[in-house]
Amino acid sequence: MVITENQVITLTYALRENDPQGELLEEVESDSPFTFLYGVGNLLPSFEANLRGLKVGEQFSFILSPEEAYGESSPNNIVEIPRGNFRMEDGGAPDFLVKGNFISLMDNFGQEHIGRIHFFDDDFVHVDLNHAMAGKTLHFQGTILLIREASADELSHGHHHAQKGEAGSGHHHH
């Protein structure tokens, strides 16, 4: 069986910046592999395109440019939020107000956004809303562990449901 749409794929990978010897950004090993429903738009299209046609046991290695991955980092995605919005009831600053921390923000439409505290001063907290991997060239290297047909239930929900004996088999649908 080869990877095509509407299949559940389980794999391992190492994600490095730029090339096979670059900085390790993320690693998913066989004791806790990554499982997903292929071809339903949940992952980067360029990531999935590089997996198409692979078989169980095959290894992969490919590079995604920033344009193929999370885009370029834009200074327009750094927002200033009045520091007073982050004060505790006692007037102090919250513990999470630390440069580099990721925080969750809600916009005027109720949409949640994850940002990283770029810096702050007495008046404003500058939050970078660019994706954490924006502007990075990503090198993926890994192995296909399992390919199976997705169930009708999985297809209707748009994500995989772990099967007995499969990694993540504790899935409970809401």
Protein backbone atom coordinates (compact mmCIF):
# COMPACT_ATOMS: atom_id res chain seq x y z
CA MET A 1 0.00 0.00 0.00
CA VAL A 2 1.29 3.46 -0.89
CA ILE A 3 0.34 6.81 0.64
CA THR A 4 -2.65 8.48 -1.02
CA GLU A 5 -5.67 10.51 0.14
CA ASN A 6 -7.94 9.28 2.91
CA GLN A 7 -5.38 7.06 4.60
CA VAL A 8 -4.08 7.16 8.13
CA ILE A 9 -0.30 7.52 8.19
CA THR A 10 2.01 6.87 11.12
CA LEU A 11 5.61 8.04 10.93
CA THR A 12 8.67 9.23 12.79
CA TYR A 13 10.70 12.27 11.87
CA ALA A 14 13.44 14.66 12.85
CA LEU A 15 12.88 18.27 11.88
CA ARG A 16 16.01 20.36 11.48
CA GLU A 17 16.63 23.89 10.34
CA ASN A 18 18.19 24.23 6.87
CA ASP A 19 19.78 20.81 6.31
CA PRO A 20 20.40 17.32 7.81
CA GLN A 21 23.06 18.74 10.16
CA GLY A 22 21.08 21.86 11.13
CA GLU A 23 19.65 22.69 14.54
CA LEU A 24 17.17 20.04 15.73
CA LEU A 25 13.79 21.77 16.06
CA GLU A 26 11.59 18.75 16.79
CA GLU A 27 11.89 14.99 16.94
CA VAL A 28 9.13 12.37 16.88
CA GLU A 29 10.39 8.88 17.70
CA SER A 30 8.85 5.42 17.37
CA ASP A 31 7.77 5.23 21.03
CA SER A 32 5.36 8.13 20.34
CA PRO A 33 5.01 8.45 16.56
CA PHE A 34 3.04 11.05 14.60
CA THR A 35 -0.26 9.75 13.19
CA PHE A 36 -2.54 11.77 10.92
CA LEU A 37 -5.23 11.57 8.26
CA TYR A 38 -3.55 12.21 4.92
CA GLY A 39 -5.00 14.56 2.31
CA VAL A 40 -7.69 16.39 4.29
CA GLY A 41 -5.87 19.72 4.68
CA ASN A 42 -4.72 19.40 8.29
CA LEU A 43 -1.00 19.61 7.44
CA LEU A 44 1.22 21.67 5.18
CA PRO A 45 0.34 20.68 1.59
CA SER A 46 4.04 20.58 0.68
CA PHE A 47 4.74 18.20 3.60
CA GLU A 48 2.05 15.81 2.41
CA ALA A 49 3.13 16.11 -1.24
CA ASN A 50 6.60 14.85 -0.28
CA LEU A 51 5.09 11.75 1.35
CA ARG A 52 2.75 10.78 -1.50
CA GLY A 53 3.54 7.37 -2.94
CA LEU A 54 5.78 6.18 -0.09
CA LYS A 55 5.35 2.70 1.44
CA VAL A 56 5.70 1.29 4.95
CA GLY A 57 9.35 1.09 5.91
CA GLU A 58 10.46 3.73 3.40
CA GLN A 59 12.57 6.59 4.61
CA PHE A 60 12.10 10.16 3.49
CA SER A 61 14.24 13.27 3.48
CA PHE A 62 13.13 16.59 2.02
CA ILE A 63 13.51 20.33 2.47
CA LEU A 64 10.70 22.91 2.55
CA SER A 65 11.51 26.53 1.84
CA PRO A 66 9.83 29.17 4.03
CA GLU A 67 7.33 29.77 1.19
CA GLU A 68 6.44 26.05 1.14
CA ALA A 69 6.19 25.90 4.93
CA TYR A 70 5.08 28.76 7.21
CA GLY A 71 6.01 31.77 5.06
CA GLU A 72 8.42 34.57 5.77
CA SER A 73 8.45 36.30 9.12
CA SER A 74 6.79 39.72 8.83
CA PRO A 75 7.35 42.74 11.08
CA ASN A 76 3.66 43.54 10.46
CA ASN A 77 2.82 40.53 12.63
CA ILE A 78 4.39 42.07 15.73
CA VAL A 79 1.69 43.86 17.67
CA GLU A 80 1.84 46.31 20.57
CA ILE A 81 -0.54 45.58 23.43
CA PRO A 82 -0.85 48.05 26.30
CA ARG A 83 1.02 46.64 29.26
CA GLY A 84 -1.96 47.43 31.48
CA ASN A 85 -3.83 44.59 29.75
CA PHE A 86 -1.40 42.20 31.46
CA ARG A 87 -1.63 43.48 35.04
CA MET A 88 -2.81 41.25 37.86
CA GLU A 89 -5.59 42.37 40.22
CA ASP A 90 -2.93 43.38 42.77
CA GLY A 91 -1.30 45.61 40.12
CA GLY A 92 1.75 43.41 39.57
CA ALA A 93 2.93 41.85 36.34
CA PRO A 94 1.97 38.20 35.73
CA ASP A 95 4.67 35.51 35.89
CA PHE A 96 4.32 34.70 32.19
CA LEU A 97 5.39 38.21 31.14
CA VAL A 98 8.86 37.07 30.10
CA LYS A 99 10.64 37.71 26.80
CA GLY A 100 10.39 34.61 24.60
CA ASN A 101 7.33 33.12 26.33
CA PHE A 102 4.42 32.00 24.18
CA ILE A 103 1.05 33.41 25.18
CA SER A 104 -2.53 32.97 24.02
CA LEU A 105 -4.41 36.11 22.95
CA MET A 106 -8.04 36.64 21.95
CA ASP A 107 -8.92 39.14 19.24
CA ASN A 108 -12.10 41.27 19.00
CA PHE A 109 -13.82 38.47 17.07
CA GLY A 110 -13.15 35.79 19.70
CA GLN A 111 -10.40 34.17 17.62
CA GLU A 112 -7.46 32.77 19.61
CA HIS A 113 -3.92 33.60 18.49
CA ILE A 114 -0.65 32.24 19.85
CA GLY A 115 2.18 34.74 20.02
CA ARG A 116 5.66 35.03 21.49
CA ILE A 117 6.62 37.94 23.71
CA HIS A 118 9.17 39.81 21.60
CA PHE A 119 9.94 42.43 24.27
CA PHE A 120 8.15 44.80 26.60
CA ASP A 121 8.68 48.17 28.17
CA ASP A 122 6.78 50.25 30.72
CA ASP A 123 3.96 50.99 28.26
CA PHE A 124 3.60 48.07 25.83
CA VAL A 125 4.10 44.35 25.40
CA HIS A 126 5.30 43.60 21.85
CA VAL A 127 3.97 40.21 20.77
CA ASP A 128 5.22 38.39 17.67
CA LEU A 129 2.28 36.63 16.00
CA ASN A 130 4.40 35.07 13.25
CA HIS A 131 4.38 31.27 13.30
CA ALA A 132 7.34 30.03 15.37
CA MET A 133 8.83 28.45 12.22
CA ALA A 134 8.12 31.38 9.87
CA GLY A 135 11.17 32.33 7.83
CA LYS A 136 12.85 28.97 8.39
CA THR A 137 13.94 26.42 5.82
CA LEU A 138 12.81 23.06 7.23
CA HIS A 139 14.50 19.70 6.67
CA PHE A 140 12.37 16.64 7.46
CA GLN A 141 13.90 13.18 7.72
CA GLY A 142 11.99 10.12 8.87
CA THR A 143 10.40 6.73 8.27
CA ILE A 144 6.89 5.59 7.37
CA LEU A 145 5.74 3.13 10.06
CA LEU A 146 2.12 2.37 9.13
CA ILE A 147 -0.38 3.06 6.35
CA ARG A 148 -4.03 2.05 6.67
CA GLU A 149 -7.33 3.01 5.10
CA ALA A 150 -9.25 5.61 7.09
CA SER A 151 -12.64 4.58 8.46
CA ALA A 152 -15.85 6.35 7.44
CA ASP A 153 -15.96 7.81 10.96
CA GLU A 154 -12.45 9.25 10.61
CA LEU A 155 -13.26 10.71 7.19
CA SER A 156 -16.45 12.37 8.46
CA HIS A 157 -14.59 13.86 11.45
CA GLY A 158 -11.56 14.94 9.40
CA HIS A 159 -8.96 13.34 11.69
CA HIS A 160 -7.70 9.91 12.66
CA HIS A 161 -9.02 7.89 15.59
CA ALA A 162 -6.35 5.64 17.02
CA GLN A 163 -7.10 1.95 16.65
CA LYS A 164 -6.41 -0.65 19.33
CA GLY A 165 -2.65 -1.19 19.56
CA GLU A 166 -1.92 1.95 17.55
CA ALA A 167 -0.04 4.88 19.09
CA GLY A 168 -2.45 7.32 20.70
CA SER A 169 -5.17 4.65 21.08
CA GLY A 170 -6.67 6.58 24.00
CA HIS A 171 -8.57 8.90 21.62
CA HIS A 172 -11.99 9.90 22.89
CA HIS A 173 -14.10 11.91 20.49
CA HIS A 174 -16.01 14.88 21.93
